[in-house]
Amino acid sequence: MAIHLSHLQKLQLQSKDGILFTQGRDTNDRECFVYIRVTRAGLNKVSDYQRAGQRMNLLDLGEVLMAGFGQEPSVMVKQHMEQKYNFAHP
């Protein structure tokens, strides 16, 4: 299974825990968001994908913790990420 982002709109890395929050559009042009526990190698791949202008296969970056459709995660999703992973939203 692959999870692709065709257009990246926002990228936030919380380096303390290695959690990456992305917002963008999937290959079906739906707005989506994804939280990933990114590996060091995965961080390098983000730059590679951006330079090449390619769709990102998010599973190449690390472990997907939570994902959903829509422009922003719900309050419930944000609270879950804050409580379980100590992820601080801006």
PDB file of N, CA and C in Angstrom:
ATOM      1  N   MET A   1       0.844  -1.182   0.000  1.00  0.00           N
ATOM      2  CA  MET A   1       0.000   0.000   0.000  1.00  0.00           C
ATOM      3  C   MET A   1       0.885   1.238   0.000  1.00  0.00           C
ATOM      4  N   ALA A   2       0.533   2.224  -0.784  1.00  0.00           N
ATOM      5  CA  ALA A   2       1.278   3.474  -0.839  1.00  0.00           C
ATOM      6  C   ALA A   2       0.347   4.622  -0.490  1.00  0.00           C
ATOM      7  N   ILE A   3       0.884   5.592   0.178  1.00  0.00           N
ATOM      8  CA  ILE A   3       0.158   6.831   0.458  1.00  0.00           C
ATOM      9  C   ILE A   3       0.966   7.929  -0.218  1.00  0.00           C
ATOM     10  N   HIS A   4       0.384   8.540  -1.238  1.00  0.00           N
ATOM     11  CA  HIS A   4       1.101   9.544  -2.017  1.00  0.00           C
ATOM     12  C   HIS A   4       0.515  10.925  -1.781  1.00  0.00           C
ATOM     13  N   LEU A   5       1.377  11.923  -1.743  1.00  0.00           N
ATOM     14  CA  LEU A   5       0.959  13.319  -1.791  1.00  0.00           C
ATOM     15  C   LEU A   5       1.411  13.851  -3.137  1.00  0.00           C
ATOM     16  N   SER A   6       0.486  14.379  -3.916  1.00  0.00           N
ATOM     17  CA  SER A   6       0.859  14.937  -5.206  1.00  0.00           C
ATOM     18  C   SER A   6       1.212  16.413  -5.085  1.00  0.00           C
ATOM     19  N   HIS A   7       0.683  17.061  -4.063  1.00  0.00           N
ATOM     20  CA  HIS A   7       0.963  18.489  -3.882  1.00  0.00           C
ATOM     21  C   HIS A   7       1.095  18.760  -2.387  1.00  0.00           C
ATOM     22  N   LEU A   8       2.252  19.224  -1.987  1.00  0.00           N
ATOM     23  CA  LEU A   8       2.524  19.501  -0.582  1.00  0.00           C
ATOM     24  C   LEU A   8       2.224  20.957  -0.292  1.00  0.00           C
ATOM     25  N   GLN A   9       1.384  21.215   0.717  1.00  0.00           N
ATOM     26  CA  GLN A   9       1.031  22.578   1.071  1.00  0.00           C
ATOM     27  C   GLN A   9       1.712  23.030   2.361  1.00  0.00           C
ATOM     28  N   LYS A  10       1.926  22.109   3.275  1.00  0.00           N
ATOM     29  CA  LYS A  10       2.495  22.474   4.570  1.00  0.00           C
ATOM     30  C   LYS A  10       3.316  21.303   5.095  1.00  0.00           C
ATOM     31  N   LEU A  11       4.404  21.646   5.744  1.00  0.00           N
ATOM     32  CA  LEU A  11       5.278  20.634   6.319  1.00  0.00           C
ATOM     33  C   LEU A  11       5.756  21.165   7.662  1.00  0.00           C
ATOM     34  N   GLN A  12       5.516  20.418   8.726  1.00  0.00           N
ATOM     35  CA  GLN A  12       5.957  20.822  10.065  1.00  0.00           C
ATOM     36  C   GLN A  12       6.645  19.635  10.711  1.00  0.00           C
ATOM     37  N   LEU A  13       7.882  19.823  11.113  1.00  0.00           N
ATOM     38  CA  LEU A  13       8.627  18.758  11.774  1.00  0.00           C
ATOM     39  C   LEU A  13       8.813  19.122  13.233  1.00  0.00           C
ATOM     40  N   GLN A  14       8.447  18.193  14.087  1.00  0.00           N
ATOM     41  CA  GLN A  14       8.718  18.344  15.517  1.00  0.00           C
ATOM     42  C   GLN A  14       9.900  17.428  15.792  1.00  0.00           C
ATOM     43  N   SER A  15      11.088  18.012  15.746  1.00  0.00           N
ATOM     44  CA  SER A  15      12.307  17.210  15.760  1.00  0.00           C
ATOM     45  C   SER A  15      12.522  16.456  17.064  1.00  0.00           C
ATOM     46  N   LYS A  16      12.003  16.965  18.155  1.00  0.00           N
ATOM     47  CA  LYS A  16      12.173  16.296  19.451  1.00  0.00           C
ATOM     48  C   LYS A  16      11.703  14.846  19.385  1.00  0.00           C
ATOM     49  N   ASP A  17      10.575  14.626  18.733  1.00  0.00           N
ATOM     50  CA  ASP A  17      10.004  13.289  18.646  1.00  0.00           C
ATOM     51  C   ASP A  17      10.084  12.704  17.243  1.00  0.00           C
ATOM     52  N   GLY A  18      10.633  13.453  16.299  1.00  0.00           N
ATOM     53  CA  GLY A  18      10.747  12.970  14.930  1.00  0.00           C
ATOM     54  C   GLY A  18       9.405  12.789  14.242  1.00  0.00           C
ATOM     55  N   ILE A  19       8.421  13.629  14.597  1.00  0.00           N
ATOM     56  CA  ILE A  19       7.097  13.522  13.980  1.00  0.00           C
ATOM     57  C   ILE A  19       6.937  14.634  12.956  1.00  0.00           C
ATOM     58  N   LEU A  20       6.559  14.229  11.760  1.00  0.00           N
ATOM     59  CA  LEU A  20       6.350  15.143  10.651  1.00  0.00           C
ATOM     60  C   LEU A  20       4.852  15.267  10.406  1.00  0.00           C
ATOM     61  N   PHE A  21       4.372  16.502  10.298  1.00  0.00           N
ATOM     62  CA  PHE A  21       2.965  16.757   9.972  1.00  0.00           C
ATOM     63  C   PHE A  21       2.940  17.361   8.579  1.00  0.00           C
ATOM     64  N   THR A  22       2.186  16.763   7.682  1.00  0.00           N
ATOM     65  CA  THR A  22       2.078  17.278   6.321  1.00  0.00           C
ATOM     66  C   THR A  22       0.626  17.530   5.974  1.00  0.00           C
ATOM     67  N   GLN A  23       0.436  18.539   5.153  1.00  0.00           N
ATOM     68  CA  GLN A  23      -0.872  18.812   4.565  1.00  0.00           C
ATOM     69  C   GLN A  23      -0.646  18.965   3.072  1.00  0.00           C
ATOM     70  N   GLY A  24      -1.593  18.489   2.301  1.00  0.00           N
ATOM     71  CA  GLY A  24      -1.462  18.620   0.856  1.00  0.00           C
ATOM     72  C   GLY A  24      -2.656  18.014   0.163  1.00  0.00           C
ATOM     73  N   ARG A  25      -2.419  17.542  -1.043  1.00  0.00           N
ATOM     74  CA  ARG A  25      -3.455  16.901  -1.833  1.00  0.00           C
ATOM     75  C   ARG A  25      -2.966  15.523  -2.245  1.00  0.00           C
ATOM     76  N   ASP A  26      -3.884  14.564  -2.188  1.00  0.00           N
ATOM     77  CA  ASP A  26      -3.502  13.219  -2.602  1.00  0.00           C
ATOM     78  C   ASP A  26      -3.583  13.110  -4.120  1.00  0.00           C
ATOM     79  N   THR A  27      -3.328  11.936  -4.646  1.00  0.00           N
ATOM     80  CA  THR A  27      -3.305  11.757  -6.099  1.00  0.00           C
ATOM     81  C   THR A  27      -4.691  11.866  -6.730  1.00  0.00           C
ATOM     82  N   ASN A  28      -5.740  11.846  -5.923  1.00  0.00           N
ATOM     83  CA  ASN A  28      -7.104  12.073  -6.414  1.00  0.00           C
ATOM     84  C   ASN A  28      -7.552  13.514  -6.187  1.00  0.00           C
ATOM     85  N   ASP A  29      -6.590  14.389  -5.852  1.00  0.00           N
ATOM     86  CA  ASP A  29      -6.796  15.827  -5.636  1.00  0.00           C
ATOM     87  C   ASP A  29      -7.678  16.131  -4.424  1.00  0.00           C
ATOM     88  N   ARG A  30      -7.679  15.230  -3.429  1.00  0.00           N
ATOM     89  CA  ARG A  30      -8.411  15.481  -2.182  1.00  0.00           C
ATOM     90  C   ARG A  30      -7.460  16.084  -1.162  1.00  0.00           C
ATOM     91  N   GLU A  31      -7.946  17.081  -0.422  1.00  0.00           N
ATOM     92  CA  GLU A  31      -7.131  17.641   0.663  1.00  0.00           C
ATOM     93  C   GLU A  31      -6.944  16.579   1.724  1.00  0.00           C
ATOM     94  N   CYS A  32      -5.720  16.500   2.264  1.00  0.00           N
ATOM     95  CA  CYS A  32      -5.457  15.488   3.280  1.00  0.00           C
ATOM     96  C   CYS A  32      -4.350  15.967   4.215  1.00  0.00           C
ATOM     97  N   PHE A  33      -4.238  15.265   5.339  1.00  0.00           N
ATOM     98  CA  PHE A  33      -3.173  15.531   6.302  1.00  0.00           C
ATOM     99  C   PHE A  33      -2.642  14.191   6.785  1.00  0.00           C
ATOM    100  N   VAL A  34      -1.371  14.189   7.176  1.00  0.00           N
ATOM    101  CA  VAL A  34      -0.731  12.955   7.625  1.00  0.00           C
ATOM    102  C   VAL A  34       0.293  13.298   8.698  1.00  0.00           C
ATOM    103  N   TYR A  35       0.322  12.487   9.756  1.00  0.00           N
ATOM    104  CA  TYR A  35       1.357  12.560  10.782  1.00  0.00           C
ATOM    105  C   TYR A  35       2.250  11.335  10.601  1.00  0.00           C
ATOM    106  N   ILE A  36       3.555  11.538  10.522  1.00  0.00           N
ATOM    107  CA  ILE A  36       4.500  10.452  10.282  1.00  0.00           C
ATOM    108  C   ILE A  36       5.615  10.520  11.306  1.00  0.00           C
ATOM    109  N   ARG A  37       5.955   9.375  11.907  1.00  0.00           N
ATOM    110  CA  ARG A  37       7.181   9.290  12.703  1.00  0.00           C
ATOM    111  C   ARG A  37       8.278   9.023  11.688  1.00  0.00           C
ATOM    112  N   VAL A  38       9.000  10.077  11.369  1.00  0.00           N
ATOM    113  CA  VAL A  38       9.937  10.039  10.252  1.00  0.00           C
ATOM    114  C   VAL A  38      11.309   9.531  10.697  1.00  0.00           C
ATOM    115  N   THR A  39      11.936   8.744   9.832  1.00  0.00           N
ATOM    116  CA  THR A  39      13.284   8.263  10.089  1.00  0.00           C
ATOM    117  C   THR A  39      14.289   9.284   9.561  1.00  0.00           C
ATOM    118  N   ARG A  40      15.526   9.141   9.950  1.00  0.00           N
ATOM    119  CA  ARG A  40      16.572  10.038   9.436  1.00  0.00           C
ATOM    120  C   ARG A  40      16.668   9.923   7.914  1.00  0.00           C
ATOM    121  N   ALA A  41      16.610   8.692   7.410  1.00  0.00           N
ATOM    122  CA  ALA A  41      16.641   8.483   5.960  1.00  0.00           C
ATOM    123  C   ALA A  41      15.409   9.103   5.301  1.00  0.00           C
ATOM    124  N   GLY A  42      14.274   9.043   6.005  1.00  0.00           N
ATOM    125  CA  GLY A  42      13.047   9.639   5.490  1.00  0.00           C
ATOM    126  C   GLY A  42      13.154  11.145   5.331  1.00  0.00           C
ATOM    127  N   LEU A  43      13.837  11.802   6.267  1.00  0.00           N
ATOM    128  CA  LEU A  43      14.042  13.250   6.153  1.00  0.00           C
ATOM    129  C   LEU A  43      14.804  13.591   4.882  1.00  0.00           C
ATOM    130  N   ASN A  44      15.812  12.793   4.562  1.00  0.00           N
ATOM    131  CA  ASN A  44      16.565  13.030   3.328  1.00  0.00           C
ATOM    132  C   ASN A  44      15.681  12.835   2.106  1.00  0.00           C
ATOM    133  N   LYS A  45      14.769  11.880   2.172  1.00  0.00           N
ATOM    134  CA  LYS A  45      13.881  11.621   1.041  1.00  0.00           C
ATOM    135  C   LYS A  45      12.915  12.773   0.799  1.00  0.00           C
ATOM    136  N   VAL A  46      12.495  13.474   1.861  1.00  0.00           N
ATOM    137  CA  VAL A  46      11.615  14.637   1.689  1.00  0.00           C
ATOM    138  C   VAL A  46      12.294  15.641   0.777  1.00  0.00           C
ATOM    139  N   SER A  47      13.549  15.946   1.061  1.00  0.00           N
ATOM    140  CA  SER A  47      14.293  16.895   0.226  1.00  0.00           C
ATOM    141  C   SER A  47      14.425  16.374  -1.198  1.00  0.00           C
ATOM    142  N   ASP A  48      14.702  15.085  -1.341  1.00  0.00           N
ATOM    143  CA  ASP A  48      14.845  14.488  -2.672  1.00  0.00           C
ATOM    144  C   ASP A  48      13.548  14.613  -3.472  1.00  0.00           C
ATOM    145  N   TYR A  49      12.418  14.290  -2.824  1.00  0.00           N
ATOM    146  CA  TYR A  49      11.120  14.393  -3.488  1.00  0.00           C
ATOM    147  C   TYR A  49      10.844  15.838  -3.909  1.00  0.00           C
ATOM    148  N   GLN A  50      11.131  16.787  -3.020  1.00  0.00           N
ATOM    149  CA  GLN A  50      10.848  18.188  -3.321  1.00  0.00           C
ATOM    150  C   GLN A  50      11.716  18.697  -4.468  1.00  0.00           C
ATOM    151  N   ARG A  51      13.004  18.343  -4.445  1.00  0.00           N
ATOM    152  CA  ARG A  51      13.896  18.776  -5.529  1.00  0.00           C
ATOM    153  C   ARG A  51      13.465  18.200  -6.874  1.00  0.00           C
ATOM    154  N   ALA A  52      13.049  16.947  -6.873  1.00  0.00           N
ATOM    155  CA  ALA A  52      12.659  16.268  -8.115  1.00  0.00           C
ATOM    156  C   ALA A  52      11.247  16.634  -8.553  1.00  0.00           C
ATOM    157  N   GLY A  53      10.484  17.280  -7.657  1.00  0.00           N
ATOM    158  CA  GLY A  53       9.106  17.638  -7.981  1.00  0.00           C
ATOM    159  C   GLY A  53       8.210  16.414  -8.123  1.00  0.00           C
ATOM    160  N   GLN A  54       8.541  15.347  -7.408  1.00  0.00           N
ATOM    161  CA  GLN A  54       7.787  14.099  -7.492  1.00  0.00           C
ATOM    162  C   GLN A  54       6.728  14.016  -6.399  1.00  0.00           C
ATOM    163  N   ARG A  55       5.755  13.121  -6.644  1.00  0.00           N
ATOM    164  CA  ARG A  55       4.802  12.798  -5.587  1.00  0.00           C
ATOM    165  C   ARG A  55       5.563  12.097  -4.480  1.00  0.00           C
ATOM    166  N   MET A  56       5.166  12.344  -3.257  1.00  0.00           N
ATOM    167  CA  MET A  56       5.809  11.705  -2.110  1.00  0.00           C
ATOM    168  C   MET A  56       5.065  10.446  -1.728  1.00  0.00           C
ATOM    169  N   ASN A  57       5.779   9.325  -1.666  1.00  0.00           N
ATOM    170  CA  ASN A  57       5.219   8.117  -1.068  1.00  0.00           C
ATOM    171  C   ASN A  57       5.547   8.221   0.417  1.00  0.00           C
ATOM    172  N   LEU A  58       4.557   8.554   1.207  1.00  0.00           N
ATOM    173  CA  LEU A  58       4.780   8.848   2.625  1.00  0.00           C
ATOM    174  C   LEU A  58       5.262   7.639   3.409  1.00  0.00           C
ATOM    175  N   LEU A  59       4.965   6.444   2.930  1.00  0.00           N
ATOM    176  CA  LEU A  59       5.443   5.251   3.620  1.00  0.00           C
ATOM    177  C   LEU A  59       6.958   5.100   3.501  1.00  0.00           C
ATOM    178  N   ASP A  60       7.566   5.775   2.528  1.00  0.00           N
ATOM    179  CA  ASP A  60       9.029   5.785   2.396  1.00  0.00           C
ATOM    180  C   ASP A  60       9.686   6.622   3.490  1.00  0.00           C
ATOM    181  N   LEU A  61       8.914   7.478   4.129  1.00  0.00           N
ATOM    182  CA  LEU A  61       9.482   8.428   5.093  1.00  0.00           C
ATOM    183  C   LEU A  61       9.524   7.880   6.510  1.00  0.00           C
ATOM    184  N   GLY A  62       8.660   6.927   6.825  1.00  0.00           N
ATOM    185  CA  GLY A  62       8.604   6.376   8.175  1.00  0.00           C
ATOM    186  C   GLY A  62       7.240   5.775   8.447  1.00  0.00           C
ATOM    187  N   GLU A  63       6.866   5.740   9.721  1.00  0.00           N
ATOM    188  CA  GLU A  63       5.610   5.133  10.160  1.00  0.00           C
ATOM    189  C   GLU A  63       4.484   6.173  10.180  1.00  0.00           C
ATOM    190  N   VAL A  64       3.404   5.893   9.454  1.00  0.00           N
ATOM    191  CA  VAL A  64       2.248   6.788   9.467  1.00  0.00           C
ATOM    192  C   VAL A  64       1.497   6.565  10.778  1.00  0.00           C
ATOM    193  N   LEU A  65       1.390   7.630  11.582  1.00  0.00           N
ATOM    194  CA  LEU A  65       0.722   7.558  12.879  1.00  0.00           C
ATOM    195  C   LEU A  65      -0.771   7.828  12.761  1.00  0.00           C
ATOM    196  N   MET A  66      -1.123   8.765  11.887  1.00  0.00           N
ATOM    197  CA  MET A  66      -2.522   9.134  11.709  1.00  0.00           C
ATOM    198  C   MET A  66      -2.644   9.905  10.396  1.00  0.00           C
ATOM    199  N   ALA A  67      -3.756   9.714   9.710  1.00  0.00           N
ATOM    200  CA  ALA A  67      -3.995  10.409   8.445  1.00  0.00           C
ATOM    201  C   ALA A  67      -5.491  10.606   8.280  1.00  0.00           C
ATOM    202  N   GLY A  68      -5.846  11.589   7.476  1.00  0.00           N
ATOM    203  CA  GLY A  68      -7.257  11.837   7.221  1.00  0.00           C
ATOM    204  C   GLY A  68      -7.451  12.803   6.077  1.00  0.00           C
ATOM    205  N   PHE A  69      -8.697  12.975   5.695  1.00  0.00           N
ATOM    206  CA  PHE A  69      -9.044  13.888   4.618  1.00  0.00           C
ATOM    207  C   PHE A  69      -9.575  15.191   5.191  1.00  0.00           C
ATOM    208  N   GLY A  70      -9.354  16.260   4.469  1.00  0.00           N
ATOM    209  CA  GLY A  70      -9.787  17.587   4.876  1.00  0.00           C
ATOM    210  C   GLY A  70      -8.595  18.511   4.985  1.00  0.00           C
ATOM    211  N   GLN A  71      -8.885  19.790   5.084  1.00  0.00           N
ATOM    212  CA  GLN A  71      -7.822  20.781   5.131  1.00  0.00           C
ATOM    213  C   GLN A  71      -7.061  20.749   6.457  1.00  0.00           C
ATOM    214  N   GLU A  72      -7.771  20.545   7.540  1.00  0.00           N
ATOM    215  CA  GLU A  72      -7.165  20.534   8.877  1.00  0.00           C
ATOM    216  C   GLU A  72      -7.632  19.305   9.649  1.00  0.00           C
ATOM    217  N   PRO A  73      -6.786  18.777  10.520  1.00  0.00           N
ATOM    218  CA  PRO A  73      -7.252  17.703  11.403  1.00  0.00           C
ATOM    219  C   PRO A  73      -8.302  18.240  12.372  1.00  0.00           C
ATOM    220  N   SER A  74      -9.192  17.386  12.789  1.00  0.00           N
ATOM    221  CA  SER A  74     -10.222  17.793  13.749  1.00  0.00           C
ATOM    222  C   SER A  74      -9.581  18.069  15.106  1.00  0.00           C
ATOM    223  N   VAL A  75     -10.331  18.698  15.982  1.00  0.00           N
ATOM    224  CA  VAL A  75      -9.876  18.957  17.343  1.00  0.00           C
ATOM    225  C   VAL A  75      -9.557  17.637  18.037  1.00  0.00           C
ATOM    226  N   MET A  76     -10.383  16.621  17.791  1.00  0.00           N
ATOM    227  CA  MET A  76     -10.171  15.319  18.402  1.00  0.00           C
ATOM    228  C   MET A  76      -8.835  14.701  17.947  1.00  0.00           C
ATOM    229  N   VAL A  77      -8.525  14.802  16.668  1.00  0.00           N
ATOM    230  CA  VAL A  77      -7.255  14.278  16.147  1.00  0.00           C
ATOM    231  C   VAL A  77      -6.087  15.048  16.755  1.00  0.00           C
ATOM    232  N   LYS A  78      -6.193  16.365  16.802  1.00  0.00           N
ATOM    233  CA  LYS A  78      -5.118  17.181  17.386  1.00  0.00           C
ATOM    234  C   LYS A  78      -4.900  16.818  18.856  1.00  0.00           C
ATOM    235  N   GLN A  79      -5.985  16.653  19.593  1.00  0.00           N
ATOM    236  CA  GLN A  79      -5.864  16.289  21.013  1.00  0.00           C
ATOM    237  C   GLN A  79      -5.207  14.917  21.165  1.00  0.00           C
ATOM    238  N   HIS A  80      -5.573  13.981  20.316  1.00  0.00           N
ATOM    239  CA  HIS A  80      -4.976  12.646  20.352  1.00  0.00           C
ATOM    240  C   HIS A  80      -3.470  12.730  20.107  1.00  0.00           C
ATOM    241  N   MET A  81      -3.072  13.499  19.108  1.00  0.00           N
ATOM    242  CA  MET A  81      -1.644  13.630  18.782  1.00  0.00           C
ATOM    243  C   MET A  81      -0.887  14.336  19.915  1.00  0.00           C
ATOM    244  N   GLU A  82      -1.533  15.300  20.550  1.00  0.00           N
ATOM    245  CA  GLU A  82      -0.893  16.004  21.661  1.00  0.00           C
ATOM    246  C   GLU A  82      -0.747  15.094  22.878  1.00  0.00           C
ATOM    247  N   GLN A  83      -1.797  14.323  23.183  1.00  0.00           N
ATOM    248  CA  GLN A  83      -1.768  13.459  24.368  1.00  0.00           C
ATOM    249  C   GLN A  83      -0.877  12.242  24.171  1.00  0.00           C
ATOM    250  N   LYS A  84      -0.992  11.573  23.047  1.00  0.00           N
ATOM    251  CA  LYS A  84      -0.255  10.329  22.840  1.00  0.00           C
ATOM    252  C   LYS A  84       1.198  10.551  22.424  1.00  0.00           C
ATOM    253  N   TYR A  85       1.439  11.581  21.582  1.00  0.00           N
ATOM    254  CA  TYR A  85       2.778  11.783  21.016  1.00  0.00           C
ATOM    255  C   TYR A  85       3.417  13.097  21.434  1.00  0.00           C
ATOM    256  N   ASN A  86       2.724  13.880  22.259  1.00  0.00           N
ATOM    257  CA  ASN A  86       3.245  15.163  22.706  1.00  0.00           C
ATOM    258  C   ASN A  86       3.547  16.096  21.526  1.00  0.00           C
ATOM    259  N   PHE A  87       2.723  16.022  20.492  1.00  0.00           N
ATOM    260  CA  PHE A  87       2.922  16.840  19.294  1.00  0.00           C
ATOM    261  C   PHE A  87       2.260  18.198  19.512  1.00  0.00           C
ATOM    262  N   ALA A  88       3.036  19.246  19.429  1.00  0.00           N
ATOM    263  CA  ALA A  88       2.529  20.602  19.649  1.00  0.00           C
ATOM    264  C   ALA A  88       2.133  21.236  18.314  1.00  0.00           C
ATOM    265  N   HIS A  89       0.860  21.515  18.154  1.00  0.00           N
ATOM    266  CA  HIS A  89       0.384  22.178  16.937  1.00  0.00           C
ATOM    267  C   HIS A  89       0.660  23.674  17.047  1.00  0.00           C
ATOM    268  N   PRO A  90       0.924  24.314  15.916  1.00  0.00           N
ATOM    269  CA  PRO A  90       1.185  25.772  15.948  1.00  0.00           C
ATOM    270  C   PRO A  90      -0.055  26.560  16.290  1.00  0.00           C
TER     271      PRO A  90
END
